[in-house]
Structure formats: C-alpha cells, structure tokens
C-alpha atoms as a PDB file:
ATOM      1  CA  GLY A   1       3.838  -4.461 -15.481  1.00  0.00           C
ATOM      2  CA  PHE A   2       5.512  -6.671 -12.985  1.00  0.00           C
ATOM      3  CA  PRO A   3       3.600  -8.306 -10.101  1.00  0.00           C
ATOM      4  CA  PHE A   4       3.687  -6.720  -6.673  1.00  0.00           C
ATOM      5  CA  THR A   5       6.435  -7.652  -4.254  1.00  0.00           C
ATOM      6  CA  HIS A   6       5.375  -8.528  -0.723  1.00  0.00           C
ATOM      7  CA  GLN A   7       6.446  -5.057   0.404  1.00  0.00           C
ATOM      8  CA  SER A   8       4.491  -3.230  -2.300  1.00  0.00           C
ATOM      9  CA  LEU A   9       1.433  -5.440  -1.711  1.00  0.00           C
ATOM     10  CA  TYR A  10       1.642  -4.640   2.004  1.00  0.00           C
ATOM     11  CA  GLU A  11       1.905  -0.898   1.272  1.00  0.00           C
ATOM     12  CA  LYS A  12      -1.098  -0.968  -1.084  1.00  0.00           C
ATOM     13  CA  GLY A  13      -3.115  -2.875   1.511  1.00  0.00           C
ATOM     14  CA  GLU A  14      -2.326  -0.250   4.131  1.00  0.00           C
ATOM     15  CA  GLU A  15      -3.223   2.569   1.717  1.00  0.00           C
ATOM     16  CA  ILE A  16      -6.616   0.977   1.128  1.00  0.00           C
ATOM     17  CA  LEU A  17      -7.239   0.547   4.860  1.00  0.00           C
ATOM     18  CA  LYS A  18      -6.208   4.145   5.606  1.00  0.00           C
ATOM     19  CA  ALA A  19      -8.556   5.463   2.909  1.00  0.00           C
ATOM     20  CA  LYS A  20     -11.404   3.230   4.087  1.00  0.00           C
ATOM     21  CA  GLY A  21     -10.851   4.266   7.703  1.00  0.00           C
ATOM     22  CA  ALA A  22     -10.765   7.958   6.784  1.00  0.00           C
ATOM     23  CA  ALA A  23     -14.000   7.624   4.808  1.00  0.00           C
ATOM     24  CA  GLN A  24     -15.754   5.812   7.667  1.00  0.00           C
ATOM     25  CA  GLY A  25     -14.171   7.857  10.440  1.00  0.00           C
ATOM     26  CA  THR A  26     -12.577   4.835  12.116  1.00  0.00           C
ATOM     27  CA  PRO A  27      -8.993   4.628  13.395  1.00  0.00           C
ATOM     28  CA  PHE A  28      -6.374   2.910  11.250  1.00  0.00           C
ATOM     29  CA  LYS A  29      -5.032  -0.405  12.556  1.00  0.00           C
ATOM     30  CA  PRO A  30      -1.761  -1.469  10.810  1.00  0.00           C
ATOM     31  CA  LEU A  31      -1.526  -4.810   9.043  1.00  0.00           C
ATOM     32  CA  GLY A  32       0.475  -7.665  10.566  1.00  0.00           C
ATOM     33  CA  LYS A  33       4.005  -8.579   9.479  1.00  0.00           C
ATOM     34  CA  GLN A  34       2.916 -11.707   7.556  1.00  0.00           C
ATOM     35  CA  TRP A  35      -0.195 -10.113   6.040  1.00  0.00           C
ATOM     36  CA  SER A  36       0.973 -10.233   2.412  1.00  0.00           C
ATOM     37  CA  HIS A  37       1.966 -13.918   2.681  1.00  0.00           C
ATOM     38  CA  ASN A  38      -1.372 -14.802   4.280  1.00  0.00           C
ATOM     39  CA  PHE A  39      -3.279 -12.767   1.681  1.00  0.00           C
ATOM     40  CA  LEU A  40      -1.545 -14.536  -1.213  1.00  0.00           C
ATOM     41  CA  ASN A  41      -2.097 -17.960   0.369  1.00  0.00           C
ATOM     42  CA  ARG A  42      -5.774 -17.207   0.960  1.00  0.00           C
ATOM     43  CA  TYR A  43      -6.433 -15.956  -2.591  1.00  0.00           C
ATOM     44  CA  ARG A  44      -3.905 -18.029  -4.563  1.00  0.00           C
ATOM     45  CA  HIS A  45      -6.716 -19.645  -6.585  1.00  0.00           C
ATOM     46  CA  ARG A  46      -7.731 -16.177  -7.855  1.00  0.00           C
ATOM     47  CA  ILE A  47      -4.313 -14.519  -8.126  1.00  0.00           C
ATOM     48  CA  SER A  48      -1.573 -15.684 -10.436  1.00  0.00           C
ATOM     49  CA  THR A  49       1.229 -14.191 -12.482  1.00  0.00           C
ATOM     50  CA  TYR A  50       1.820 -14.811 -16.140  1.00  0.00           C
ATOM     51  CA  TRP A  51       3.784 -13.367 -19.029  1.00  0.00           C
ATOM     52  CA  GLY A  52       1.548 -11.995 -21.732  1.00  0.00           C
ATOM     53  CA  THR A  53       2.336 -12.019 -25.406  1.00  0.00           C
ATOM     54  CA  SER A  54       3.225  -8.870 -27.239  1.00  0.00           C
ATOM     55  CA  LEU A  55       0.515  -7.136 -29.218  1.00  0.00           C
ATOM     56  CA  HIS A  56       2.424  -7.594 -32.468  1.00  0.00           C
ATOM     57  CA  GLN A  57       2.445 -11.370 -32.067  1.00  0.00           C
ATOM     58  CA  SER A  58      -1.267 -11.416 -31.313  1.00  0.00           C
ATOM     59  CA  GLN A  59      -2.055  -9.231 -34.290  1.00  0.00           C
ATOM     60  CA  GLY A  60       0.145 -11.342 -36.577  1.00  0.00           C
ATOM     61  CA  ARG A  61      -1.736 -14.502 -35.658  1.00  0.00           C
ATOM     62  CA  ALA A  62      -5.099 -12.777 -36.156  1.00  0.00           C
ATOM     63  CA  VAL A  63      -4.418 -12.036 -39.822  1.00  0.00           C
ATOM     64  CA  ASN A  64      -5.157 -14.976 -42.079  1.00  0.00           C
ATOM     65  CA  ALA A  65      -6.899 -15.535 -45.400  1.00  0.00           C
ATOM     66  CA  HIS A  66     -10.337 -15.808 -43.783  1.00  0.00           C
ATOM     67  CA  THR A  67     -10.103 -12.579 -41.775  1.00  0.00           C
ATOM     68  CA  LYS A  68      -8.520 -10.717 -44.696  1.00  0.00           C
ATOM     69  CA  LYS A  69     -11.398 -11.769 -46.984  1.00  0.00           C
ATOM     70  CA  GLY A  70     -13.974 -10.703 -44.384  1.00  0.00           C
ATOM     71  CA  TRP A  71     -12.289  -7.314 -43.939  1.00  0.00           C
ATOM     72  CA  CYS A  72     -12.247  -6.693 -47.694  1.00  0.00           C
ATOM     73  CA  MET A  73     -15.935  -7.555 -47.896  1.00  0.00           C
ATOM     74  CA  LEU A  74     -16.687  -5.067 -45.110  1.00  0.00           C
ATOM     75  CA  LEU A  75     -14.790  -2.333 -46.925  1.00  0.00           C
ATOM     76  CA  LYS A  76     -16.759  -2.913 -50.139  1.00  0.00           C
END
C-alpha cells in the first residue's frame, strides 16, 4: 500500500494511545499538533518509503538454467 500521510499517522498514533490507556485504566491525553512530524524526524533512520517490484518480475528473475535444473532434480 501507500505510506501513511501525516493525518493518518496521527490518527493511528491516537488509536494506539486510546487502546493502551483503556487497557491500563489511564486517561487519554491527545497528541500534539506536530506529533507526526516529530515522530518521523525521530525515527527517520528506521522508517523509509520505497516502491517494491511486482511479484511477476521477481519470479521471472528467479528462473534460470541453474534453478530449473535443481527443480527437475527434486521432482525426480
């Protein structure tokens, strides 16, 4: 899918906090207005977006003479 927008990231963060607060019996404190920007800046080394390749392309590159020979040997 597509990466979260700042709004959707903010909403998911609030959902998690509401669920955590309900489980622990603590009151819910809303996130700040710049929370999603701060979150992405803080964890930018762990979070990144990329476009994956389609499965057909990956499968097409996986089939070669070596893998075909190995597969035939397994079937025998």
